[in-house]
Protein backbone atom coordinates (compact mmCIF):
# COMPACT_ATOMS: atom_id res chain seq x y z
CA MET A 1 39.62 -57.36 -39.96
CA VAL A 2 35.77 -56.45 -40.89
CA GLN A 3 35.39 -54.64 -44.50
CA ILE A 4 33.35 -51.46 -43.62
CA ALA A 5 31.11 -50.07 -46.44
CA CYS A 6 28.77 -46.91 -46.40
CA ALA A 7 25.52 -47.85 -47.95
CA THR A 8 23.13 -45.16 -49.42
CA ASP A 9 19.96 -47.35 -49.85
CA VAL A 10 18.44 -50.35 -47.35
CA LYS A 11 17.55 -51.90 -51.50
CA GLU A 12 21.56 -52.74 -52.32
CA GLY A 13 22.05 -55.51 -53.64
CA LEU A 14 25.05 -55.70 -51.24
CA TYR A 15 23.24 -56.96 -48.40
CA ASP A 16 21.62 -60.48 -46.74
CA ALA A 17 20.06 -59.25 -43.70
CA ILE A 18 19.13 -55.47 -42.54
CA VAL A 19 20.00 -54.78 -38.89
CA VAL A 20 17.70 -52.25 -37.19
CA VAL A 21 18.56 -50.79 -33.88
CA SER A 22 16.34 -48.70 -32.21
CA ASP A 23 14.96 -47.50 -28.81
CA GLY A 24 11.09 -48.48 -29.44
CA ILE A 25 8.54 -49.07 -32.66
CA ILE A 26 7.78 -45.59 -31.88
CA SER A 27 10.56 -44.03 -32.99
CA LEU A 28 10.88 -46.04 -36.18
CA THR A 29 9.40 -43.08 -37.51
CA LYS A 30 12.18 -41.81 -38.58
CA LEU A 31 12.88 -44.40 -40.61
CA ASP A 32 10.26 -43.20 -43.40
CA LYS A 33 12.13 -40.14 -45.65
CA LEU A 34 14.90 -43.71 -45.66
CA CYS A 35 12.04 -46.35 -46.41
CA PRO A 36 8.34 -46.71 -45.03
CA ASP A 37 8.96 -50.15 -45.96
CA LEU A 38 11.46 -51.36 -43.53
CA ARG A 39 9.04 -49.37 -40.30
CA GLY A 40 5.91 -51.36 -41.96
CA ALA A 41 7.67 -54.61 -42.14
CA ILE A 42 8.86 -54.56 -38.65
CA GLU A 43 5.75 -53.06 -37.44
CA ALA A 44 3.68 -55.72 -38.76
CA PHE A 45 5.68 -58.10 -36.62
CA SER A 46 5.51 -56.61 -33.80
CA LYS A 47 1.19 -57.21 -34.18
CA ILE A 48 2.37 -60.76 -33.54
CA ASP A 49 5.15 -60.47 -30.82
CA HIS A 50 4.10 -58.10 -28.42
CA SER A 51 8.34 -58.25 -26.91
CA LEU A 52 9.65 -56.65 -29.58
CA ASP A 53 10.51 -53.75 -27.34
CA LYS A 54 11.73 -55.23 -24.22
CA GLY A 55 15.45 -55.32 -24.88
CA LYS A 56 15.78 -58.53 -26.88
CA VAL A 57 16.65 -58.72 -30.64
CA SER A 58 14.45 -60.89 -33.26
CA LEU A 59 14.18 -61.82 -36.62
CA ILE A 60 12.25 -60.89 -38.45
CA PRO A 61 11.54 -62.45 -42.80
CA THR A 62 10.60 -60.32 -44.88
CA ASP A 63 9.55 -60.33 -49.03
CA LYS A 64 9.79 -56.25 -49.29
CA PHE A 65 13.83 -56.71 -49.43
CA HIS A 66 16.42 -58.25 -51.64
CA ALA A 67 17.69 -59.18 -47.70
CA ARG A 68 14.69 -61.55 -46.90
CA ARG A 69 15.00 -60.59 -43.45
CA ILE A 70 15.58 -58.11 -40.92
CA VAL A 71 17.75 -58.44 -37.52
CA TYR A 72 15.64 -56.43 -34.87
CA ALA A 73 17.49 -54.89 -31.98
CA SER A 74 16.05 -53.22 -29.32
CA THR A 75 17.54 -51.61 -26.49
CA GLY A 76 15.54 -51.20 -24.54
CA THR A 77 14.47 -48.38 -22.39
CA VAL A 78 16.73 -45.00 -23.26
CA HIS A 79 14.58 -42.80 -21.40
CA LYS A 80 15.02 -43.08 -17.35
CA ASP A 81 17.44 -40.99 -15.75
CA PHE A 82 20.47 -43.90 -15.40
CA ASP A 83 20.02 -45.28 -19.06
CA ASP A 84 23.35 -43.98 -21.34
CA VAL A 85 24.14 -44.71 -24.49
CA ARG A 86 25.81 -48.10 -23.83
CA ARG A 87 22.33 -49.30 -24.10
CA TYR A 88 23.35 -48.73 -27.96
CA THR A 89 26.61 -50.77 -28.13
CA LYS A 90 25.66 -53.60 -26.15
CA ALA A 91 22.42 -53.61 -28.43
CA GLY A 92 24.74 -53.45 -31.01
CA THR A 93 26.75 -55.99 -29.72
CA ALA A 94 23.52 -58.36 -29.41
CA ALA A 95 22.57 -57.63 -32.86
CA ALA A 96 26.37 -58.97 -34.26
CA GLU A 97 25.92 -62.37 -32.31
CA ALA A 98 22.15 -62.71 -33.43
CA SER A 99 22.85 -62.27 -36.74
CA LEU A 100 26.43 -64.81 -36.52
CA SER A 101 24.11 -67.54 -35.25
CA ALA A 102 21.61 -66.51 -38.27
CA GLY A 103 24.38 -67.29 -40.86
CA VAL A 104 24.43 -63.23 -41.99
CA ARG A 105 27.30 -63.23 -44.12
CA SER A 106 27.08 -59.35 -45.38
CA PRO A 107 24.75 -57.22 -42.48
CA LEU A 108 23.79 -53.89 -43.36
CA LEU A 109 23.32 -51.78 -39.81
CA VAL A 110 20.54 -49.24 -39.63
CA VAL A 111 20.65 -47.26 -36.06
CA VAL A 112 17.49 -45.23 -35.73
CA PRO A 113 19.07 -41.86 -34.29
CA SER A 114 18.47 -40.72 -31.07
CA GLU A 115 17.73 -36.75 -29.69
CA ARG A 116 19.20 -37.75 -26.22
CA PHE A 117 22.15 -39.81 -27.59
CA PRO A 118 23.81 -38.00 -30.26
CA ASN A 119 26.53 -40.87 -30.66
CA ALA A 120 23.73 -43.68 -30.79
CA GLY A 121 24.88 -44.72 -34.02
CA LEU A 122 28.58 -44.70 -33.51
CA MET A 123 27.97 -46.80 -30.36
CA ALA A 124 26.10 -49.20 -31.66
CA ALA A 125 28.37 -49.97 -34.20
CA LEU A 126 31.36 -50.62 -32.15
CA GLY A 127 28.97 -52.96 -30.10
CA PHE A 128 28.90 -54.75 -33.37
CA LEU A 129 31.92 -54.59 -34.05
CA HIS A 130 33.25 -55.91 -30.84
CA ALA A 131 31.76 -59.31 -31.46
CA LEU A 132 33.37 -59.19 -34.75
CA TYR A 133 36.67 -59.73 -33.29
CA ILE A 134 38.63 -62.85 -34.10
CA PRO A 135 41.15 -63.24 -31.48
CA LEU A 136 45.09 -62.98 -32.66
CA ASN A 137 46.04 -66.84 -31.93
CA VAL A 138 43.32 -68.13 -33.42
CA VAL A 139 43.95 -66.10 -36.73
CA GLN A 140 47.52 -67.10 -36.77
CA CYS A 141 47.04 -70.54 -36.02
CA ASP A 142 43.89 -71.52 -37.79
CA LYS A 143 44.03 -68.66 -41.11
CA PRO A 144 39.77 -67.91 -40.30
CA VAL A 145 37.91 -66.21 -42.78
CA PRO A 146 36.71 -63.19 -41.28
CA LYS A 147 32.99 -63.94 -39.45
CA VAL A 148 31.52 -61.28 -41.76
CA ASP A 149 32.28 -60.49 -45.69
CA LEU A 150 30.89 -56.76 -45.38
CA LEU A 151 28.90 -55.04 -43.13
CA GLY A 152 27.44 -51.45 -44.08
CA ILE A 153 26.67 -48.80 -42.60
CA LEU A 154 23.44 -46.65 -43.16
CA GLU A 155 23.13 -43.06 -41.71
CA VAL A 156 20.19 -41.99 -41.17
CA ASP A 157 20.53 -38.45 -40.46
CA ALA A 158 24.07 -38.23 -41.17
CA THR A 159 24.44 -34.06 -41.17
CA GLU A 160 22.44 -33.68 -37.54
CA ARG A 161 24.76 -36.74 -35.99
CA ALA A 162 28.01 -34.79 -37.33
CA ALA A 163 26.92 -31.62 -35.81
CA ALA A 164 25.85 -33.34 -32.74
CA ARG A 165 28.94 -35.27 -31.74
CA ARG A 166 31.37 -33.02 -32.52
CA VAL A 167 33.37 -35.55 -34.53
CA PRO A 168 33.95 -33.93 -37.92
CA LEU A 169 34.18 -37.63 -39.97
CA PRO A 170 32.49 -39.33 -42.00
CA LEU A 171 30.88 -42.37 -39.62
CA VAL A 172 32.85 -45.29 -41.63
CA HIS A 173 36.11 -43.41 -41.61
CA LEU A 174 35.52 -43.20 -38.11
CA LEU A 175 34.41 -47.12 -37.47
CA GLN A 176 36.89 -48.04 -39.66
CA ALA A 177 39.99 -46.04 -37.26
CA LEU A 178 38.40 -47.11 -34.18
CA GLN A 179 38.17 -50.98 -35.61
CA ARG A 180 41.61 -51.16 -36.37
CA SER A 181 42.82 -49.58 -32.93
CA PHE A 182 40.30 -51.42 -30.87
CA ASP A 183 42.60 -54.69 -33.08
CA VAL A 184 45.56 -53.96 -31.84
CA THR A 185 44.25 -53.35 -28.13
CA ARG A 186 42.68 -56.68 -27.50
CA ASP A 187 45.36 -57.92 -29.55
CA ILE A 188 47.93 -56.99 -26.95
CA GLY A 189 45.80 -56.95 -24.19
CA ASP A 190 44.11 -60.44 -24.23
CA GLY A 191 46.73 -61.91 -25.65
CA ASP A 192 48.43 -65.43 -23.19
CA PRO A 193 51.30 -64.68 -21.58
CA GLN A 194 54.03 -66.45 -23.87
CA SER A 195 52.18 -65.51 -27.19
CA MET A 196 52.27 -61.96 -25.74
CA CYS A 197 55.42 -61.88 -23.91
CA PRO A 198 57.76 -58.61 -23.66
CA ALA A 199 59.56 -59.68 -26.48
CA LYS A 200 56.27 -61.12 -28.45
CA VAL A 201 54.75 -57.40 -27.80
CA VAL A 202 57.89 -55.63 -28.97
CA GLU A 203 57.87 -57.99 -32.56
CA TYR A 204 53.96 -57.24 -32.85
CA VAL A 205 54.40 -53.00 -32.71
CA LYS A 206 56.96 -52.86 -35.05
CA SER A 207 55.40 -55.33 -37.04
CA SER A 208 51.71 -53.12 -36.84
CA PHE A 209 53.53 -49.67 -36.83
CA GLU A 210 56.00 -50.67 -40.20
CA ASN A 211 55.65 -47.85 -42.80
CA SER A 212 53.26 -45.49 -40.41
CA SER A 213 53.64 -42.41 -39.16
CA VAL A 214 54.27 -43.75 -35.74
CA ARG A 215 58.13 -44.19 -34.79
CA VAL A 216 58.82 -46.89 -32.67
CA SER A 217 61.96 -47.14 -30.30
CA VAL A 218 63.11 -49.92 -28.10
CA ILE A 219 64.96 -50.31 -24.85
CA ASP A 220 65.96 -53.74 -24.25
CA ASP A 221 68.99 -54.04 -22.80
CA VAL A 222 69.31 -55.03 -19.25
CA GLU A 223 72.35 -52.97 -17.82
CA GLN A 224 70.47 -49.61 -18.85
CA ILE A 225 67.17 -50.01 -17.71
CA ARG A 226 68.82 -51.32 -14.10
CA ARG A 227 70.93 -47.99 -14.58
CA ASP A 228 68.07 -45.74 -15.57
CA TYR A 229 64.99 -47.43 -14.48
CA PRO A 230 66.01 -49.25 -11.37
CA LEU A 231 62.39 -49.59 -10.61
CA MET A 232 61.10 -51.75 -13.34
CA SER A 233 64.91 -53.35 -13.21
CA ALA A 234 63.51 -54.65 -9.76
CA VAL A 235 60.65 -56.31 -11.05
CA SER A 236 61.90 -57.60 -13.70
CA ARG A 237 64.63 -59.41 -11.75
CA CYS A 238 63.57 -62.31 -11.41
CA ALA A 239 62.27 -62.61 -15.42
CA ASN A 240 65.67 -61.80 -16.68
CA ALA A 241 66.89 -65.22 -16.54
CA ILE A 242 64.63 -66.34 -19.79
CA GLU A 243 65.23 -64.17 -22.58
CA GLU A 244 62.14 -63.68 -24.10
CA HIS A 245 60.85 -62.54 -20.48
CA LYS A 246 62.77 -59.79 -20.15
CA ALA A 247 61.89 -56.15 -19.67
CA ARG A 248 61.30 -54.08 -22.97
CA LEU A 249 60.55 -50.39 -22.78
CA ILE A 250 58.57 -49.82 -26.31
CA TRP A 251 58.49 -45.64 -27.10
CA LEU A 252 55.98 -44.53 -29.71
CA GLU A 253 56.42 -41.14 -30.62
CA TYR A 254 53.42 -38.93 -32.94
CA ASP A 255 53.95 -35.72 -34.62
CA GLY A 256 50.99 -33.66 -36.53
CA GLY A 257 53.48 -31.00 -36.91
CA ASP A 258 52.79 -27.31 -35.89
CA GLU A 259 51.93 -29.00 -32.11
CA THR A 260 49.80 -26.95 -30.01
CA GLU A 261 50.30 -29.19 -26.86
CA THR A 262 51.91 -32.56 -26.58
CA LEU A 263 50.66 -35.52 -24.67
CA TYR A 264 52.68 -38.41 -22.64
CA LEU A 265 51.08 -41.77 -22.47
CA VAL A 266 52.72 -44.02 -19.65
CA GLY A 267 50.74 -47.48 -19.87
CA LYS A 268 51.37 -51.08 -17.64
CA GLY A 269 52.28 -53.54 -19.80
CA VAL A 270 52.74 -56.51 -17.19
CA THR A 271 52.56 -59.42 -19.51
CA PHE A 272 51.94 -61.95 -16.67
CA ASP A 273 51.43 -61.33 -12.75
CA SER A 274 52.45 -63.92 -10.46
CA GLY A 275 52.28 -60.98 -7.28
CA GLY A 276 56.13 -62.13 -7.32
CA ALA A 277 57.41 -62.98 -3.84
CA ASP A 278 53.44 -61.68 -2.03
CA LEU A 279 52.37 -64.63 -4.46
CA LYS A 280 49.08 -64.59 -5.50
CA VAL A 281 46.99 -66.92 -4.25
CA GLY A 282 43.46 -68.99 -4.47
CA GLY A 283 43.07 -68.60 -7.63
CA SER A 284 43.27 -65.10 -8.22
CA MET A 285 46.72 -65.18 -10.09
CA PHE A 286 44.35 -66.19 -12.89
CA GLY A 287 44.08 -63.38 -15.83
CA MET A 288 46.89 -61.82 -15.44
CA CYS A 289 47.95 -61.96 -18.51
CA ARG A 290 45.86 -59.00 -18.63
CA ASP A 291 47.39 -57.03 -16.07
CA LYS A 292 49.41 -55.14 -20.05
CA TYR A 293 46.36 -53.61 -20.83
CA GLY A 294 47.55 -49.84 -20.40
CA SER A 295 50.36 -50.59 -22.38
CA ALA A 296 48.18 -51.92 -25.12
CA VAL A 297 45.66 -48.99 -24.33
CA VAL A 298 48.67 -46.63 -25.55
CA ALA A 299 49.55 -48.94 -28.28
CA GLY A 300 45.78 -49.29 -29.42
CA PHE A 301 45.53 -45.28 -28.76
CA PHE A 302 49.10 -44.38 -31.66
CA ARG A 303 46.73 -47.01 -33.95
CA ALA A 304 44.44 -44.38 -34.12
CA LEU A 305 46.75 -41.21 -34.23
CA ASP A 306 48.36 -43.42 -37.12
CA GLU A 307 44.59 -43.70 -39.15
CA LEU A 308 43.24 -40.21 -38.69
CA LYS A 309 46.00 -38.09 -38.24
CA PRO A 310 45.46 -35.52 -36.16
CA LYS A 311 47.03 -32.07 -36.57
CA GLY A 312 48.63 -29.65 -34.20
CA ILE A 313 49.42 -32.38 -31.78
CA LYS A 314 52.39 -34.67 -30.43
CA VAL A 315 52.22 -37.44 -28.45
CA VAL A 316 55.04 -39.63 -26.64
CA GLY A 317 53.97 -43.22 -25.11
CA CYS A 318 55.73 -45.69 -23.02
CA MET A 319 54.73 -49.68 -23.34
CA CYS A 320 56.33 -50.74 -19.71
CA MET A 321 56.57 -54.27 -20.95
CA CYS A 322 57.82 -56.55 -17.80
CA ARG A 323 56.85 -60.00 -15.83
CA ASN A 324 56.43 -60.18 -12.49
CA SER A 325 57.62 -63.78 -11.81
CA ILE A 326 58.37 -65.32 -8.85
CA GLY A 327 61.34 -67.49 -8.12
CA SER A 328 65.03 -67.38 -6.49
CA ASN A 329 65.74 -64.02 -7.89
CA ALA A 330 62.42 -62.37 -7.20
CA TYR A 331 62.78 -58.97 -5.68
CA THR A 332 61.33 -58.92 -2.49
CA CYS A 333 59.41 -56.81 0.67
CA ASP A 334 62.03 -54.77 2.86
CA GLU A 335 64.27 -54.23 -0.17
CA ILE A 336 64.76 -50.00 -0.19
CA ILE A 337 65.60 -49.06 -3.98
CA THR A 338 66.98 -44.94 -5.07
CA SER A 339 64.21 -44.68 -7.91
CA ARG A 340 65.38 -42.00 -11.00
CA SER A 341 64.56 -39.11 -9.64
CA GLY A 342 66.73 -40.31 -6.59
CA GLN A 343 63.31 -40.77 -4.14
CA ARG A 344 64.01 -43.86 -1.83
CA VAL A 345 60.99 -46.46 -2.52
CA HIS A 346 60.65 -48.70 0.56
CA VAL A 347 59.19 -52.14 -0.93
CA TYR A 348 56.56 -53.34 1.01
CA ASN A 349 54.45 -55.42 -1.17
CA THR A 350 55.73 -56.99 -4.38
CA ASP A 351 52.42 -57.38 -5.76
CA ALA A 352 52.07 -53.98 -5.91
CA GLU A 353 54.80 -54.36 -9.21
CA GLY A 354 52.58 -51.70 -11.76
CA ARG A 355 53.65 -48.67 -10.37
CA MET A 356 56.95 -49.75 -9.83
CA ALA A 357 57.21 -50.84 -13.21
CA MET A 358 55.84 -47.50 -14.63
CA ALA A 359 57.20 -44.65 -11.98
CA ASP A 360 60.53 -44.49 -13.91
CA VAL A 361 58.90 -43.98 -17.30
CA LEU A 362 56.80 -41.22 -15.56
CA THR A 363 60.06 -39.73 -13.89
CA GLU A 364 61.62 -39.51 -17.78
CA ALA A 365 58.81 -37.96 -19.34
CA ARG A 366 57.99 -35.35 -16.88
CA GLU A 367 61.67 -34.66 -17.94
CA ARG A 368 60.64 -34.60 -21.51
CA ALA A 369 57.96 -32.46 -20.48
CA LEU A 370 59.06 -29.90 -19.04
CA LYS A 371 60.70 -28.68 -22.50
CA ALA A 372 57.32 -29.93 -24.39
CA LYS A 373 54.60 -26.95 -26.03
CA ASN A 374 51.55 -27.15 -23.17
CA PRO A 375 52.23 -30.74 -21.82
CA HIS A 376 49.49 -33.29 -20.47
CA LEU A 377 51.43 -36.34 -18.41
CA PHE A 378 49.17 -39.74 -18.37
CA THR A 379 49.27 -43.20 -16.67
CA ILE A 380 46.74 -46.30 -17.86
CA ALA A 381 47.05 -49.18 -16.01
CA THR A 382 45.11 -52.23 -14.74
CA LEU A 383 46.62 -51.46 -10.93
CA THR A 384 44.27 -52.03 -8.13
CA GLY A 385 41.30 -54.55 -6.96
CA HIS A 386 40.45 -51.93 -4.65
CA LEU A 387 38.96 -49.66 -8.01
CA VAL A 388 37.09 -52.85 -8.93
CA LEU A 389 35.59 -52.82 -5.08
CA THR A 390 34.97 -49.37 -5.34
CA TYR A 391 33.99 -48.60 -8.94
CA GLY A 392 32.77 -51.40 -10.75
CA HIS A 393 33.32 -52.08 -14.35
CA CYS A 394 34.03 -47.77 -14.55
CA SER A 395 37.20 -46.56 -15.00
CA ALA A 396 38.56 -43.87 -12.79
CA ALA A 397 40.26 -40.30 -12.80
CA MET A 398 42.77 -39.36 -10.59
CA ASP A 399 44.30 -35.52 -11.15
CA ASN A 400 47.30 -34.39 -9.77
CA GLY A 401 47.21 -30.75 -8.79
CA PRO A 402 47.85 -28.47 -11.98
CA ALA A 403 45.41 -31.37 -13.82
CA ARG A 404 42.47 -30.55 -10.65
CA ALA A 405 42.74 -26.88 -11.45
CA ALA A 406 42.01 -27.35 -14.99
CA HIS A 407 39.02 -29.72 -14.28
CA TYR A 408 40.74 -32.15 -16.26
CA ALA A 409 39.38 -35.39 -14.50
CA GLU A 410 36.03 -33.89 -15.50
CA GLN A 411 36.46 -33.35 -18.70
CA LEU A 412 37.38 -37.20 -19.01
CA GLN A 413 34.55 -37.99 -17.31
CA HIS A 414 32.08 -36.22 -20.02
CA THR A 415 33.91 -37.44 -22.96
CA GLY A 416 33.18 -40.79 -21.39
CA ASP A 417 29.54 -40.73 -20.76
CA GLU A 418 29.45 -38.96 -24.54
CA PHE A 419 31.26 -42.31 -25.74
CA GLY A 420 29.70 -44.77 -23.63
CA GLN A 421 32.94 -45.04 -21.57
CA PRO A 422 31.58 -44.60 -17.54
CA VAL A 423 34.64 -42.91 -15.68
CA GLU A 424 34.83 -42.09 -12.30
CA VAL A 425 36.75 -38.75 -11.14
CA SER A 426 38.43 -39.94 -7.63
CA ARG A 427 40.04 -37.20 -5.98
CA LEU A 428 43.34 -37.36 -3.67
CA PHE A 429 43.93 -35.55 -0.53
CA SER A 430 47.11 -34.83 1.89
CA GLU A 431 45.94 -38.03 3.91
CA ASP A 432 46.78 -40.36 1.38
CA PHE A 433 50.11 -38.51 0.75
CA ASP A 434 50.53 -39.02 4.24
CA PHE A 435 49.96 -42.57 4.29
CA HIS A 436 52.62 -43.61 2.10
CA SER A 437 55.44 -42.02 3.69
CA ALA A 438 58.81 -43.64 5.06
CA LYS A 439 58.37 -45.20 8.31
CA CYS A 440 62.23 -45.79 8.60
CA GLU A 441 65.33 -43.16 8.02
CA ALA A 442 66.88 -45.17 4.91
CA ALA A 443 63.17 -44.38 3.13
CA ASP A 444 61.81 -41.35 1.70
CA LEU A 445 57.97 -43.20 0.91
CA MET A 446 56.68 -46.43 1.24
CA GLN A 447 55.53 -48.35 -1.83
CA ALA A 448 52.37 -49.97 -0.69
CA ASN A 449 50.41 -51.00 2.09
CA VAL A 450 51.87 -55.31 2.78
CA ALA A 451 48.10 -55.41 2.82
CA PRO A 452 46.63 -55.87 -0.34
CA SER A 453 44.57 -52.91 -1.91
CA VAL A 454 40.90 -54.54 -1.67
CA ARG A 455 41.92 -54.44 2.45
CA THR A 456 43.35 -50.79 2.46
CA CYS A 457 41.31 -47.95 3.72
CA ARG A 458 40.94 -45.87 -0.11
CA GLY A 459 43.54 -48.66 -1.63
CA HIS A 460 43.18 -47.22 -5.24
CA SER A 461 44.33 -44.44 -4.52
CA GLY A 462 48.00 -45.58 -3.68
CA PRO A 463 49.40 -46.41 -7.05
CA ALA A 464 48.25 -42.71 -7.91
CA VAL A 465 50.64 -41.16 -4.66
CA VAL A 466 53.05 -43.27 -5.37
CA LEU A 467 53.90 -42.54 -9.21
CA MET A 468 53.21 -38.79 -8.29
CA ARG A 469 55.91 -38.97 -5.22
CA VAL A 470 58.62 -40.91 -6.94
CA SER A 471 58.47 -38.94 -10.44
CA ARG A 472 58.91 -35.41 -8.58
CA TYR A 473 62.38 -34.75 -7.24
């Protein structure tokens, strides 16, 4: 993990490069109180490189500072209607990559404030940190040194920034917490099918939260899972032949005391998705070790909770870890499985396993929520290719009835815009629910369409509908 320090002066001798992220030369006047020499060095270089402000990274030599070099990262335009704060995130990542290529070991990051984007400094720093991550398997095998020895953060106007972005925390403290959170998320989410199989995820999570404020409990008994989580059990049935591939339910709990609200997070954790009997073909199976990113985000969220320790909130999460394998005991289409809620689910497509893995856990979360204070339930998952076709790089938020009445997805969308996490709000309609009604007397609902989601009208709505219907009695 990268050591992060709060700096107070660009002339400190700890750093071997000053990294400046800005939306343009004209904005550098905001640095005058901090250090006019910094603006002067960059402006002088701009006279011989007129492309400095065109969204690129430049290495500027200087004799004005101990660091003797400035890495200047231009965000490019941030003033057009559809520009957003991710310009700063991308510039931060590009600055980090250029710094590493130049052999920088101790960069000092200075982000020129933006009136339009109060979180510009935070997002640029997160982008910088993104490039400094080292994959877990590399850490375990090679024991590499960190990519940098120290990352300094110098805030140009901390008071104004803190008030504007509604986060009453020192920036360095927040960055340290988010760095640890994102590292956990990426360690699990990017882990290959063996190094992060269900059993290995359990080991990693237990180790990560040892002696922390997060309580961890695991359900790994095959018979208990078959009895209490029958839909997940069906998905895992083929994988049960290999001990480390058997399903695990990892329950996490954080209690901030005197809670005013309770969050329940259910994450999809399919460590590898072959498609099952409806096998993925034509290369579409590649990358399916990342089908566990929903659970990875849940784990990362709890890492942030442990670091920041917010008061007045209780959070319960479940990582639904399983593997959708192919073999003689794989679950198949035409099976009718009675869920925890008593709903009879008719399987149409085994490659729609994510909703199966989460549905019974969501039912249990709903059971618990009935006794909780001001509960909110969330499912987090990589569920359909149709979503990518519909929204591309954006996540989608879909509300149930009570959440829609409270405009919950819209609030999430607004917060996402502030912090460079674009969210599209996708509404559900009665036709979506009708589509999943059973087509035979033997079942209550159909689990999916026989065709892939990418060939199904409104295909990304299906998982949400099934989860809502299955989890209700």
